[in-house]
């Protein structure tokens, strides 16, 4: 009697393993490669034939001539994606935000109380590739000064790279930092040495 129950259980387990572990993932992967090959392969971004990142993963830009991303509690490490897990009453979070506000005021000439929240708070994943248009606009003057170009020209690049809500309905407008910085280099050239101090 046990044999009569055991055999169908083993056959069913093996069949489900094959269907859910091999056939279904294989079919989904194959369809993704045919229908959405760029997205299925990580939305990789190449410059001159060299992969420089993914449009889905934030990365650190710290030089003055580039737009800076949203702060990351994960250090922009895709293998350590996480938020800070600090709550709104956390003194540590409060001191981090205050320090970031001080930095933005010093580097971008921002006015306290008028800084977009995404400029001084980390995202839940720590890997957000996008910033808000307000965040980007606040950085325009610094980027233009560091590159020695007109602010209006840099603002034009930002405006051209601002994406609206998904399908016109979901989410807020956003700017992908990696794609924006690549567009800056394409439009104005790469800055090889820091500009003279003013």
C-alpha atoms as a PDB file:
ATOM      1  CA  UNK A   1       0.000   0.000   0.000  1.00  0.00           C
ATOM      2  CA  UNK A   2       2.847   2.391   0.812  1.00  0.00           C
ATOM      3  CA  UNK A   3       4.359   1.671  -2.605  1.00  0.00           C
ATOM      4  CA  UNK A   4       1.080   2.671  -4.272  1.00  0.00           C
ATOM      5  CA  UNK A   5       1.210   6.074  -2.532  1.00  0.00           C
ATOM      6  CA  UNK A   6       4.940   6.633  -2.816  1.00  0.00           C
ATOM      7  CA  UNK A   7       5.284   6.094  -6.542  1.00  0.00           C
ATOM      8  CA  UNK A   8       2.693   8.731  -7.634  1.00  0.00           C
ATOM      9  CA  UNK A   9       4.168  11.207  -5.128  1.00  0.00           C
ATOM     10  CA  UNK A  10       7.685  10.784  -6.550  1.00  0.00           C
ATOM     11  CA  UNK A  11       6.464  10.939 -10.160  1.00  0.00           C
ATOM     12  CA  UNK A  12       4.417  14.073  -9.425  1.00  0.00           C
ATOM     13  CA  UNK A  13       7.351  15.744  -7.643  1.00  0.00           C
ATOM     14  CA  UNK A  14       9.700  15.012 -10.551  1.00  0.00           C
ATOM     15  CA  UNK A  15       7.110  16.198 -13.082  1.00  0.00           C
ATOM     16  CA  UNK A  16       6.554  19.456 -11.183  1.00  0.00           C
ATOM     17  CA  UNK A  17      10.322  19.980 -10.862  1.00  0.00           C
ATOM     18  CA  UNK A  18      10.693  19.614 -14.625  1.00  0.00           C
ATOM     19  CA  UNK A  19       7.720  21.859 -15.441  1.00  0.00           C
ATOM     20  CA  UNK A  20       8.361  24.613 -12.878  1.00  0.00           C
ATOM     21  CA  UNK A  21      12.149  24.360 -12.696  1.00  0.00           C
ATOM     22  CA  UNK A  22      13.075  23.806 -16.358  1.00  0.00           C
ATOM     23  CA  UNK A  23      10.260  24.216 -18.895  1.00  0.00           C
ATOM     24  CA  UNK A  24       8.545  27.329 -17.493  1.00  0.00           C
ATOM     25  CA  UNK A  25      11.757  29.299 -16.728  1.00  0.00           C
ATOM     26  CA  UNK A  26      13.160  28.268 -20.114  1.00  0.00           C
ATOM     27  CA  UNK A  27      10.042  29.459 -21.930  1.00  0.00           C
ATOM     28  CA  UNK A  28       9.938  32.774 -20.044  1.00  0.00           C
ATOM     29  CA  UNK A  29      13.662  33.368 -20.639  1.00  0.00           C
ATOM     30  CA  UNK A  30      13.319  32.543 -24.335  1.00  0.00           C
ATOM     31  CA  UNK A  31      10.321  34.874 -24.762  1.00  0.00           C
ATOM     32  CA  UNK A  32      12.103  37.657 -22.888  1.00  0.00           C
ATOM     33  CA  UNK A  33      15.175  37.310 -25.116  1.00  0.00           C
ATOM     34  CA  UNK A  34      12.995  37.503 -28.239  1.00  0.00           C
ATOM     35  CA  UNK A  35      10.556  40.233 -27.149  1.00  0.00           C
ATOM     36  CA  UNK A  36      12.665  42.378 -24.769  1.00  0.00           C
ATOM     37  CA  UNK A  37      16.350  41.498 -25.306  1.00  0.00           C
ATOM     38  CA  UNK A  38      17.785  44.726 -23.834  1.00  0.00           C
ATOM     39  CA  UNK A  39      15.723  44.516 -20.654  1.00  0.00           C
ATOM     40  CA  UNK A  40      16.226  40.761 -20.307  1.00  0.00           C
ATOM     41  CA  UNK A  41      19.976  41.278 -20.336  1.00  0.00           C
ATOM     42  CA  UNK A  42      19.971  43.912 -17.604  1.00  0.00           C
ATOM     43  CA  UNK A  43      19.322  47.149 -19.575  1.00  0.00           C
ATOM     44  CA  UNK A  44      23.077  47.538 -19.993  1.00  0.00           C
ATOM     45  CA  UNK A  45      24.382  50.884 -21.242  1.00  0.00           C
ATOM     46  CA  UNK A  46      27.402  51.004 -23.547  1.00  0.00           C
ATOM     47  CA  UNK A  47      29.617  53.904 -24.557  1.00  0.00           C
ATOM     48  CA  UNK A  48      31.956  53.344 -27.508  1.00  0.00           C
ATOM     49  CA  UNK A  49      31.334  49.592 -27.312  1.00  0.00           C
ATOM     50  CA  UNK A  50      32.180  49.381 -23.600  1.00  0.00           C
ATOM     51  CA  UNK A  51      29.534  48.601 -20.964  1.00  0.00           C
ATOM     52  CA  UNK A  52      29.517  51.409 -18.391  1.00  0.00           C
ATOM     53  CA  UNK A  53      26.552  50.349 -16.273  1.00  0.00           C
ATOM     54  CA  UNK A  54      22.889  49.489 -16.199  1.00  0.00           C
ATOM     55  CA  UNK A  55      20.060  51.961 -16.620  1.00  0.00           C
ATOM     56  CA  UNK A  56      18.356  50.153 -13.716  1.00  0.00           C
ATOM     57  CA  UNK A  57      21.145  50.399 -11.116  1.00  0.00           C
ATOM     58  CA  UNK A  58      22.346  53.650  -9.558  1.00  0.00           C
ATOM     59  CA  UNK A  59      26.062  54.295  -9.358  1.00  0.00           C
ATOM     60  CA  UNK A  60      28.164  56.883  -7.576  1.00  0.00           C
ATOM     61  CA  UNK A  61      29.094  60.075  -9.388  1.00  0.00           C
ATOM     62  CA  UNK A  62      30.996  62.478  -7.156  1.00  0.00           C
ATOM     63  CA  UNK A  63      32.852  64.828  -9.516  1.00  0.00           C
ATOM     64  CA  UNK A  64      31.468  68.348  -9.844  1.00  0.00           C
ATOM     65  CA  UNK A  65      30.971  68.101 -13.626  1.00  0.00           C
ATOM     66  CA  UNK A  66      28.480  65.265 -13.255  1.00  0.00           C
ATOM     67  CA  UNK A  67      24.999  65.064 -11.803  1.00  0.00           C
ATOM     68  CA  UNK A  68      25.041  63.239  -8.496  1.00  0.00           C
ATOM     69  CA  UNK A  69      22.628  60.377  -7.784  1.00  0.00           C
ATOM     70  CA  UNK A  70      20.329  59.877  -4.859  1.00  0.00           C
ATOM     71  CA  UNK A  71      22.208  58.882  -1.666  1.00  0.00           C
ATOM     72  CA  UNK A  72      22.583  55.126  -1.159  1.00  0.00           C
ATOM     73  CA  UNK A  73      22.513  53.231   2.135  1.00  0.00           C
ATOM     74  CA  UNK A  74      23.937  50.243   0.199  1.00  0.00           C
ATOM     75  CA  UNK A  75      26.939  52.099  -1.212  1.00  0.00           C
ATOM     76  CA  UNK A  76      25.513  51.522  -4.739  1.00  0.00           C
ATOM     77  CA  UNK A  77      26.451  47.839  -4.368  1.00  0.00           C
ATOM     78  CA  UNK A  78      23.909  45.752  -6.294  1.00  0.00           C
ATOM     79  CA  UNK A  79      24.768  42.674  -4.232  1.00  0.00           C
ATOM     80  CA  UNK A  80      23.909  44.526  -1.017  1.00  0.00           C
ATOM     81  CA  UNK A  81      20.681  46.235  -2.057  1.00  0.00           C
ATOM     82  CA  UNK A  82      18.972  47.624   1.028  1.00  0.00           C
ATOM     83  CA  UNK A  83      17.683  50.688   2.745  1.00  0.00           C
ATOM     84  CA  UNK A  84      19.155  52.077   5.929  1.00  0.00           C
ATOM     85  CA  UNK A  85      16.318  50.633   8.062  1.00  0.00           C
ATOM     86  CA  UNK A  86      16.410  53.863  10.073  1.00  0.00           C
ATOM     87  CA  UNK A  87      12.984  55.122  11.123  1.00  0.00           C
ATOM     88  CA  UNK A  88      11.670  58.698  11.165  1.00  0.00           C
ATOM     89  CA  UNK A  89      12.511  59.088  14.866  1.00  0.00           C
ATOM     90  CA  UNK A  90      16.111  57.893  14.415  1.00  0.00           C
ATOM     91  CA  UNK A  91      18.744  60.384  15.574  1.00  0.00           C
ATOM     92  CA  UNK A  92      21.237  58.747  13.203  1.00  0.00           C
ATOM     93  CA  UNK A  93      18.928  59.305  10.200  1.00  0.00           C
ATOM     94  CA  UNK A  94      18.376  62.883  11.322  1.00  0.00           C
ATOM     95  CA  UNK A  95      22.126  63.568  11.491  1.00  0.00           C
ATOM     96  CA  UNK A  96      22.666  61.934   8.067  1.00  0.00           C
ATOM     97  CA  UNK A  97      19.996  64.108   6.459  1.00  0.00           C
ATOM     98  CA  UNK A  98      21.347  67.267   8.134  1.00  0.00           C
ATOM     99  CA  UNK A  99      24.862  66.450   6.865  1.00  0.00           C
ATOM    100  CA  UNK A 100      23.530  65.870   3.346  1.00  0.00           C
ATOM    101  CA  UNK A 101      21.598  69.152   3.468  1.00  0.00           C
ATOM    102  CA  UNK A 102      24.791  70.964   4.526  1.00  0.00           C
ATOM    103  CA  UNK A 103      26.652  69.388   1.597  1.00  0.00           C
ATOM    104  CA  UNK A 104      23.950  70.362  -0.919  1.00  0.00           C
ATOM    105  CA  UNK A 105      23.883  73.924   0.419  1.00  0.00           C
ATOM    106  CA  UNK A 106      27.681  74.150   0.119  1.00  0.00           C
ATOM    107  CA  UNK A 107      28.122  72.491  -3.281  1.00  0.00           C
ATOM    108  CA  UNK A 108      24.957  73.464  -5.136  1.00  0.00           C
ATOM    109  CA  UNK A 109      24.007  76.743  -3.469  1.00  0.00           C
ATOM    110  CA  UNK A 110      20.642  75.333  -2.396  1.00  0.00           C
ATOM    111  CA  UNK A 111      18.375  77.133   0.050  1.00  0.00           C
ATOM    112  CA  UNK A 112      17.504  75.199   3.211  1.00  0.00           C
ATOM    113  CA  UNK A 113      13.879  74.145   3.178  1.00  0.00           C
ATOM    114  CA  UNK A 114      13.770  74.121  -0.642  1.00  0.00           C
ATOM    115  CA  UNK A 115      15.813  70.981  -1.283  1.00  0.00           C
ATOM    116  CA  UNK A 116      14.002  68.036  -2.928  1.00  0.00           C
ATOM    117  CA  UNK A 117      13.736  65.156  -0.472  1.00  0.00           C
ATOM    118  CA  UNK A 118      15.316  62.660  -2.883  1.00  0.00           C
ATOM    119  CA  UNK A 119      18.497  64.737  -2.830  1.00  0.00           C
ATOM    120  CA  UNK A 120      19.107  64.045   0.869  1.00  0.00           C
ATOM    121  CA  UNK A 121      17.356  60.726   1.573  1.00  0.00           C
ATOM    122  CA  UNK A 122      18.311  57.257   0.352  1.00  0.00           C
ATOM    123  CA  UNK A 123      15.873  55.074  -1.550  1.00  0.00           C
ATOM    124  CA  UNK A 124      14.533  51.810  -0.138  1.00  0.00           C
ATOM    125  CA  UNK A 125      16.771  49.738  -2.419  1.00  0.00           C
ATOM    126  CA  UNK A 126      19.856  51.941  -2.209  1.00  0.00           C
ATOM    127  CA  UNK A 127      20.162  51.510  -5.987  1.00  0.00           C
ATOM    128  CA  UNK A 128      17.671  54.004  -7.409  1.00  0.00           C
ATOM    129  CA  UNK A 129      19.031  55.083 -10.823  1.00  0.00           C
ATOM    130  CA  UNK A 130      16.761  58.125 -11.075  1.00  0.00           C
ATOM    131  CA  UNK A 131      16.449  61.528  -9.458  1.00  0.00           C
ATOM    132  CA  UNK A 132      13.583  63.993  -9.587  1.00  0.00           C
ATOM    133  CA  UNK A 133      13.693  66.858 -12.100  1.00  0.00           C
ATOM    134  CA  UNK A 134      13.884  69.264  -9.131  1.00  0.00           C
ATOM    135  CA  UNK A 135      16.998  67.479  -7.879  1.00  0.00           C
ATOM    136  CA  UNK A 136      18.573  67.716 -11.343  1.00  0.00           C
ATOM    137  CA  UNK A 137      17.661  71.388 -11.808  1.00  0.00           C
ATOM    138  CA  UNK A 138      19.286  72.243  -8.483  1.00  0.00           C
ATOM    139  CA  UNK A 139      22.562  70.709  -9.724  1.00  0.00           C
ATOM    140  CA  UNK A 140      22.569  72.478 -13.114  1.00  0.00           C
ATOM    141  CA  UNK A 141      24.580  75.536 -12.004  1.00  0.00           C
ATOM    142  CA  UNK A 142      27.358  73.447 -10.414  1.00  0.00           C
ATOM    143  CA  UNK A 143      27.629  71.132 -13.440  1.00  0.00           C
ATOM    144  CA  UNK A 144      27.662  74.053 -15.890  1.00  0.00           C
ATOM    145  CA  UNK A 145      30.316  75.890 -13.864  1.00  0.00           C
ATOM    146  CA  UNK A 146      32.523  72.784 -13.605  1.00  0.00           C
ATOM    147  CA  UNK A 147      32.255  72.188 -17.361  1.00  0.00           C
ATOM    148  CA  UNK A 148      32.634  75.845 -18.304  1.00  0.00           C
ATOM    149  CA  UNK A 149      29.384  75.894 -20.296  1.00  0.00           C
ATOM    150  CA  UNK A 150      26.164  77.871 -20.174  1.00  0.00           C
ATOM    151  CA  UNK A 151      23.601  76.787 -17.573  1.00  0.00           C
ATOM    152  CA  UNK A 152      20.810  76.983 -20.146  1.00  0.00           C
ATOM    153  CA  UNK A 153      22.579  74.397 -22.306  1.00  0.00           C
ATOM    154  CA  UNK A 154      22.931  72.012 -19.366  1.00  0.00           C
ATOM    155  CA  UNK A 155      19.295  72.615 -18.407  1.00  0.00           C
ATOM    156  CA  UNK A 156      18.327  71.709 -21.977  1.00  0.00           C
ATOM    157  CA  UNK A 157      20.103  68.347 -21.650  1.00  0.00           C
ATOM    158  CA  UNK A 158      18.260  67.730 -18.367  1.00  0.00           C
ATOM    159  CA  UNK A 159      14.910  68.595 -19.936  1.00  0.00           C
ATOM    160  CA  UNK A 160      15.541  66.269 -22.890  1.00  0.00           C
ATOM    161  CA  UNK A 161      16.326  63.408 -20.496  1.00  0.00           C
ATOM    162  CA  UNK A 162      13.371  63.933 -18.155  1.00  0.00           C
ATOM    163  CA  UNK A 163      10.956  61.020 -18.427  1.00  0.00           C
ATOM    164  CA  UNK A 164       7.300  61.416 -17.587  1.00  0.00           C
ATOM    165  CA  UNK A 165       5.215  59.047 -15.464  1.00  0.00           C
ATOM    166  CA  UNK A 166       5.138  55.417 -16.660  1.00  0.00           C
ATOM    167  CA  UNK A 167       2.463  55.100 -19.376  1.00  0.00           C
ATOM    168  CA  UNK A 168       1.570  58.710 -18.560  1.00  0.00           C
ATOM    169  CA  UNK A 169      -0.106  57.575 -15.331  1.00  0.00           C
ATOM    170  CA  UNK A 170       2.150  55.855 -12.811  1.00  0.00           C
ATOM    171  CA  UNK A 171       4.838  57.515 -10.719  1.00  0.00           C
ATOM    172  CA  UNK A 172       6.495  60.891 -10.959  1.00  0.00           C
ATOM    173  CA  UNK A 173       8.704  62.467 -13.623  1.00  0.00           C
ATOM    174  CA  UNK A 174      12.315  61.306 -13.281  1.00  0.00           C
ATOM    175  CA  UNK A 175      15.789  61.677 -14.729  1.00  0.00           C
ATOM    176  CA  UNK A 176      18.129  58.706 -15.136  1.00  0.00           C
ATOM    177  CA  UNK A 177      21.496  59.897 -13.772  1.00  0.00           C
ATOM    178  CA  UNK A 178      23.715  57.544 -15.794  1.00  0.00           C
ATOM    179  CA  UNK A 179      22.026  58.377 -19.104  1.00  0.00           C
ATOM    180  CA  UNK A 180      22.079  62.092 -18.255  1.00  0.00           C
ATOM    181  CA  UNK A 181      25.802  62.077 -17.474  1.00  0.00           C
ATOM    182  CA  UNK A 182      26.563  60.172 -20.675  1.00  0.00           C
ATOM    183  CA  UNK A 183      24.547  62.769 -22.598  1.00  0.00           C
ATOM    184  CA  UNK A 184      26.567  65.546 -20.918  1.00  0.00           C
ATOM    185  CA  UNK A 185      29.844  63.996 -22.052  1.00  0.00           C
ATOM    186  CA  UNK A 186      28.411  63.577 -25.535  1.00  0.00           C
ATOM    187  CA  UNK A 187      27.216  67.185 -25.717  1.00  0.00           C
ATOM    188  CA  UNK A 188      30.115  68.972 -24.015  1.00  0.00           C
ATOM    189  CA  UNK A 189      33.002  66.504 -23.953  1.00  0.00           C
ATOM    190  CA  UNK A 190      34.629  64.755 -21.036  1.00  0.00           C
ATOM    191  CA  UNK A 191      36.316  66.941 -18.450  1.00  0.00           C
ATOM    192  CA  UNK A 192      39.791  65.518 -17.917  1.00  0.00           C
ATOM    193  CA  UNK A 193      41.030  67.880 -15.218  1.00  0.00           C
ATOM    194  CA  UNK A 194      39.235  69.966 -12.604  1.00  0.00           C
ATOM    195  CA  UNK A 195      38.579  73.600 -13.526  1.00  0.00           C
ATOM    196  CA  UNK A 196      40.632  76.280 -11.758  1.00  0.00           C
ATOM    197  CA  UNK A 197      39.357  77.330  -8.337  1.00  0.00           C
ATOM    198  CA  UNK A 198      37.272  80.486  -8.246  1.00  0.00           C
END
